């Protein structure tokens, strides 16, 4: 058992490493096309992500006069509805009065 520990260790095996560029070059035409397509898709996704991010950020911002504008639009709409009701009520009364006289 002691002899086992006293023996010289085996020489270390060296690993062959490939850089990414070597891997792309040695991958053949099919591999290069796939990697190129993935790279183009990466660029597209990155563009869409940041474009949407900036669009959402700008849409979130609310101007200080936003609620007063909404309130004024609602009040104008109520006023126009009231005017329409008054006009329709007046025309109904006129029709009823004409019908009673006849």
Foldseek 3Di string as FASTA:
>chain_A
DVVVVVDDDDDDDDDDDDDPVRCCVVVPPVSVVVVVVVVVVVVVVVVVVVVVVVVVVVVPDDDPCNVVVVVVVVVVVVVVVVVVVVVVVVVVVVVVVVVVVD
